[in-house]
Protein backbone atom coordinates (compact mmCIF):
# COMPACT_ATOMS: atom_id res chain seq x y z
CA UNK A 1 0.00 0.00 0.00
CA UNK A 2 1.31 3.44 -0.85
CA UNK A 3 0.61 6.84 0.60
CA UNK A 4 0.26 9.98 -1.47
CA UNK A 5 2.38 12.94 -0.40
CA UNK A 6 2.08 16.44 -1.78
CA UNK A 7 4.78 18.87 -2.82
CA UNK A 8 4.14 22.54 -3.54
CA UNK A 9 6.64 24.03 -5.93
CA UNK A 10 6.36 27.61 -7.19
CA UNK A 11 2.65 27.65 -6.36
CA UNK A 12 1.80 24.32 -8.02
CA UNK A 13 0.88 21.17 -6.17
CA UNK A 14 2.31 17.80 -7.15
CA UNK A 15 1.22 14.46 -5.72
CA UNK A 16 3.78 11.70 -5.31
CA UNK A 17 3.10 8.11 -4.30
CA UNK A 18 5.30 6.79 -1.50
CA UNK A 19 5.57 3.02 -1.01
CA UNK A 20 5.00 1.66 2.49
CA UNK A 21 8.00 2.38 4.70
CA UNK A 22 9.40 5.14 2.49
CA UNK A 23 7.05 7.96 3.44
CA UNK A 24 9.40 9.74 5.83
CA UNK A 25 12.34 9.60 3.42
CA UNK A 26 10.18 10.97 0.62
CA UNK A 27 8.73 13.65 2.91
CA UNK A 28 12.29 14.77 3.74
CA UNK A 29 13.20 14.86 0.06
CA UNK A 30 10.07 16.88 -0.71
CA UNK A 31 10.96 19.37 2.05
CA UNK A 32 14.46 19.76 0.62
CA UNK A 33 13.21 20.37 -2.91
CA UNK A 34 10.44 22.73 -1.75
CA UNK A 35 12.89 24.80 0.30
CA UNK A 36 15.45 25.02 -2.51
CA UNK A 37 12.74 25.95 -5.03
CA UNK A 38 11.44 28.63 -2.66
CA UNK A 39 14.89 30.21 -2.46
CA UNK A 40 15.21 30.24 -6.24
CA UNK A 41 11.66 31.54 -6.74
CA UNK A 42 12.37 34.46 -4.39
CA UNK A 43 15.48 35.33 -6.41
CA UNK A 44 13.68 34.90 -9.75
CA UNK A 45 9.97 35.54 -9.10
CA UNK A 46 9.05 35.57 -12.80
CA UNK A 47 10.84 32.31 -13.63
CA UNK A 48 8.70 29.50 -14.96
CA UNK A 49 8.30 26.39 -12.82
CA UNK A 50 10.50 24.30 -15.12
CA UNK A 51 13.41 26.71 -14.65
CA UNK A 52 12.89 26.81 -10.88
CA UNK A 53 12.91 23.01 -10.72
CA UNK A 54 15.97 22.72 -12.96
CA UNK A 55 17.94 25.28 -10.97
CA UNK A 56 16.97 23.58 -7.72
CA UNK A 57 18.07 20.20 -9.06
CA UNK A 58 21.39 21.63 -10.22
CA UNK A 59 21.98 23.37 -6.89
CA UNK A 60 21.18 20.25 -4.90
CA UNK A 61 23.38 18.09 -7.15
CA UNK A 62 26.26 20.56 -6.88
CA UNK A 63 26.11 20.66 -3.09
CA UNK A 64 25.81 16.89 -2.69
CA UNK A 65 28.80 15.38 -0.90
CA UNK A 66 30.81 13.13 -3.20
CA UNK A 67 31.85 10.62 -0.53
CA UNK A 68 29.94 7.59 0.70
CA UNK A 69 28.01 9.44 3.42
CA UNK A 70 24.88 7.92 4.92
CA UNK A 71 22.07 9.15 2.63
CA UNK A 72 19.79 9.81 5.61
CA UNK A 73 22.36 12.12 7.18
CA UNK A 74 22.99 13.70 3.79
CA UNK A 75 19.26 14.36 3.35
CA UNK A 76 19.03 16.00 6.76
CA UNK A 77 22.06 18.21 6.03
CA UNK A 78 20.56 19.25 2.69
CA UNK A 79 17.21 20.00 4.36
CA UNK A 80 18.84 22.14 7.04
CA UNK A 81 20.94 23.94 4.42
CA UNK A 82 17.90 24.63 2.26
CA UNK A 83 15.93 25.89 5.27
CA UNK A 84 18.81 28.15 6.29
CA UNK A 85 19.06 29.54 2.74
CA UNK A 86 15.31 30.16 2.67
CA UNK A 87 15.38 31.94 6.04
CA UNK A 88 18.36 34.05 4.96
CA UNK A 89 16.73 35.01 1.66
CA UNK A 90 13.50 35.88 3.48
CA UNK A 91 15.31 38.06 6.02
CA UNK A 92 17.24 39.85 3.27
CA UNK A 93 14.01 40.51 1.35
CA UNK A 94 12.39 42.14 4.38
C-alpha atoms as a PDB file:
ATOM      1  CA  UNK A   1       0.000   0.000   0.000  1.00  0.00           C
ATOM      2  CA  UNK A   2       1.313   3.442  -0.852  1.00  0.00           C
ATOM      3  CA  UNK A   3       0.612   6.841   0.604  1.00  0.00           C
ATOM      4  CA  UNK A   4       0.259   9.982  -1.469  1.00  0.00           C
ATOM      5  CA  UNK A   5       2.381  12.942  -0.405  1.00  0.00           C
ATOM      6  CA  UNK A   6       2.077  16.444  -1.777  1.00  0.00           C
ATOM      7  CA  UNK A   7       4.782  18.875  -2.818  1.00  0.00           C
ATOM      8  CA  UNK A   8       4.138  22.537  -3.544  1.00  0.00           C
ATOM      9  CA  UNK A   9       6.636  24.032  -5.934  1.00  0.00           C
ATOM     10  CA  UNK A  10       6.364  27.605  -7.188  1.00  0.00           C
ATOM     11  CA  UNK A  11       2.654  27.645  -6.357  1.00  0.00           C
ATOM     12  CA  UNK A  12       1.799  24.322  -8.017  1.00  0.00           C
ATOM     13  CA  UNK A  13       0.878  21.167  -6.175  1.00  0.00           C
ATOM     14  CA  UNK A  14       2.312  17.800  -7.147  1.00  0.00           C
ATOM     15  CA  UNK A  15       1.216  14.461  -5.722  1.00  0.00           C
ATOM     16  CA  UNK A  16       3.778  11.698  -5.308  1.00  0.00           C
ATOM     17  CA  UNK A  17       3.098   8.111  -4.300  1.00  0.00           C
ATOM     18  CA  UNK A  18       5.296   6.787  -1.503  1.00  0.00           C
ATOM     19  CA  UNK A  19       5.566   3.021  -1.011  1.00  0.00           C
ATOM     20  CA  UNK A  20       5.005   1.656   2.486  1.00  0.00           C
ATOM     21  CA  UNK A  21       8.004   2.377   4.702  1.00  0.00           C
ATOM     22  CA  UNK A  22       9.403   5.137   2.486  1.00  0.00           C
ATOM     23  CA  UNK A  23       7.052   7.961   3.442  1.00  0.00           C
ATOM     24  CA  UNK A  24       9.398   9.743   5.828  1.00  0.00           C
ATOM     25  CA  UNK A  25      12.344   9.602   3.416  1.00  0.00           C
ATOM     26  CA  UNK A  26      10.180  10.970   0.616  1.00  0.00           C
ATOM     27  CA  UNK A  27       8.727  13.653   2.908  1.00  0.00           C
ATOM     28  CA  UNK A  28      12.286  14.770   3.745  1.00  0.00           C
ATOM     29  CA  UNK A  29      13.198  14.855   0.061  1.00  0.00           C
ATOM     30  CA  UNK A  30      10.073  16.885  -0.711  1.00  0.00           C
ATOM     31  CA  UNK A  31      10.963  19.366   2.047  1.00  0.00           C
ATOM     32  CA  UNK A  32      14.464  19.763   0.621  1.00  0.00           C
ATOM     33  CA  UNK A  33      13.213  20.368  -2.907  1.00  0.00           C
ATOM     34  CA  UNK A  34      10.436  22.734  -1.755  1.00  0.00           C
ATOM     35  CA  UNK A  35      12.894  24.799   0.300  1.00  0.00           C
ATOM     36  CA  UNK A  36      15.446  25.022  -2.507  1.00  0.00           C
ATOM     37  CA  UNK A  37      12.742  25.954  -5.027  1.00  0.00           C
ATOM     38  CA  UNK A  38      11.435  28.633  -2.657  1.00  0.00           C
ATOM     39  CA  UNK A  39      14.893  30.208  -2.459  1.00  0.00           C
ATOM     40  CA  UNK A  40      15.214  30.244  -6.238  1.00  0.00           C
ATOM     41  CA  UNK A  41      11.659  31.537  -6.743  1.00  0.00           C
ATOM     42  CA  UNK A  42      12.374  34.455  -4.391  1.00  0.00           C
ATOM     43  CA  UNK A  43      15.483  35.333  -6.409  1.00  0.00           C
ATOM     44  CA  UNK A  44      13.684  34.904  -9.747  1.00  0.00           C
ATOM     45  CA  UNK A  45       9.975  35.544  -9.102  1.00  0.00           C
ATOM     46  CA  UNK A  46       9.046  35.565 -12.797  1.00  0.00           C
ATOM     47  CA  UNK A  47      10.843  32.307 -13.626  1.00  0.00           C
ATOM     48  CA  UNK A  48       8.702  29.499 -14.957  1.00  0.00           C
ATOM     49  CA  UNK A  49       8.299  26.393 -12.824  1.00  0.00           C
ATOM     50  CA  UNK A  50      10.497  24.302 -15.125  1.00  0.00           C
ATOM     51  CA  UNK A  51      13.408  26.714 -14.653  1.00  0.00           C
ATOM     52  CA  UNK A  52      12.891  26.811 -10.881  1.00  0.00           C
ATOM     53  CA  UNK A  53      12.908  23.008 -10.723  1.00  0.00           C
ATOM     54  CA  UNK A  54      15.971  22.723 -12.960  1.00  0.00           C
ATOM     55  CA  UNK A  55      17.943  25.283 -10.973  1.00  0.00           C
ATOM     56  CA  UNK A  56      16.970  23.581  -7.716  1.00  0.00           C
ATOM     57  CA  UNK A  57      18.065  20.200  -9.060  1.00  0.00           C
ATOM     58  CA  UNK A  58      21.391  21.628 -10.217  1.00  0.00           C
ATOM     59  CA  UNK A  59      21.982  23.373  -6.895  1.00  0.00           C
ATOM     60  CA  UNK A  60      21.182  20.253  -4.902  1.00  0.00           C
ATOM     61  CA  UNK A  61      23.375  18.094  -7.147  1.00  0.00           C
ATOM     62  CA  UNK A  62      26.257  20.557  -6.884  1.00  0.00           C
ATOM     63  CA  UNK A  63      26.112  20.658  -3.092  1.00  0.00           C
ATOM     64  CA  UNK A  64      25.806  16.891  -2.686  1.00  0.00           C
ATOM     65  CA  UNK A  65      28.797  15.380  -0.905  1.00  0.00           C
ATOM     66  CA  UNK A  66      30.808  13.131  -3.205  1.00  0.00           C
ATOM     67  CA  UNK A  67      31.847  10.624  -0.535  1.00  0.00           C
ATOM     68  CA  UNK A  68      29.937   7.594   0.702  1.00  0.00           C
ATOM     69  CA  UNK A  69      28.013   9.438   3.417  1.00  0.00           C
ATOM     70  CA  UNK A  70      24.882   7.919   4.924  1.00  0.00           C
ATOM     71  CA  UNK A  71      22.074   9.148   2.634  1.00  0.00           C
ATOM     72  CA  UNK A  72      19.790   9.809   5.612  1.00  0.00           C
ATOM     73  CA  UNK A  73      22.362  12.123   7.178  1.00  0.00           C
ATOM     74  CA  UNK A  74      22.994  13.704   3.795  1.00  0.00           C
ATOM     75  CA  UNK A  75      19.264  14.359   3.349  1.00  0.00           C
ATOM     76  CA  UNK A  76      19.033  16.003   6.755  1.00  0.00           C
ATOM     77  CA  UNK A  77      22.056  18.207   6.032  1.00  0.00           C
ATOM     78  CA  UNK A  78      20.557  19.246   2.694  1.00  0.00           C
ATOM     79  CA  UNK A  79      17.212  19.996   4.365  1.00  0.00           C
ATOM     80  CA  UNK A  80      18.845  22.142   7.040  1.00  0.00           C
ATOM     81  CA  UNK A  81      20.943  23.936   4.421  1.00  0.00           C
ATOM     82  CA  UNK A  82      17.897  24.628   2.259  1.00  0.00           C
ATOM     83  CA  UNK A  83      15.929  25.886   5.271  1.00  0.00           C
ATOM     84  CA  UNK A  84      18.812  28.151   6.287  1.00  0.00           C
ATOM     85  CA  UNK A  85      19.064  29.537   2.743  1.00  0.00           C
ATOM     86  CA  UNK A  86      15.315  30.163   2.674  1.00  0.00           C
ATOM     87  CA  UNK A  87      15.382  31.944   6.042  1.00  0.00           C
ATOM     88  CA  UNK A  88      18.357  34.051   4.964  1.00  0.00           C
ATOM     89  CA  UNK A  89      16.728  35.012   1.659  1.00  0.00           C
ATOM     90  CA  UNK A  90      13.503  35.879   3.481  1.00  0.00           C
ATOM     91  CA  UNK A  91      15.310  38.061   6.023  1.00  0.00           C
ATOM     92  CA  UNK A  92      17.236  39.854   3.269  1.00  0.00           C
ATOM     93  CA  UNK A  93      14.009  40.513   1.350  1.00  0.00           C
ATOM     94  CA  UNK A  94      12.393  42.142   4.384  1.00  0.00           C
END
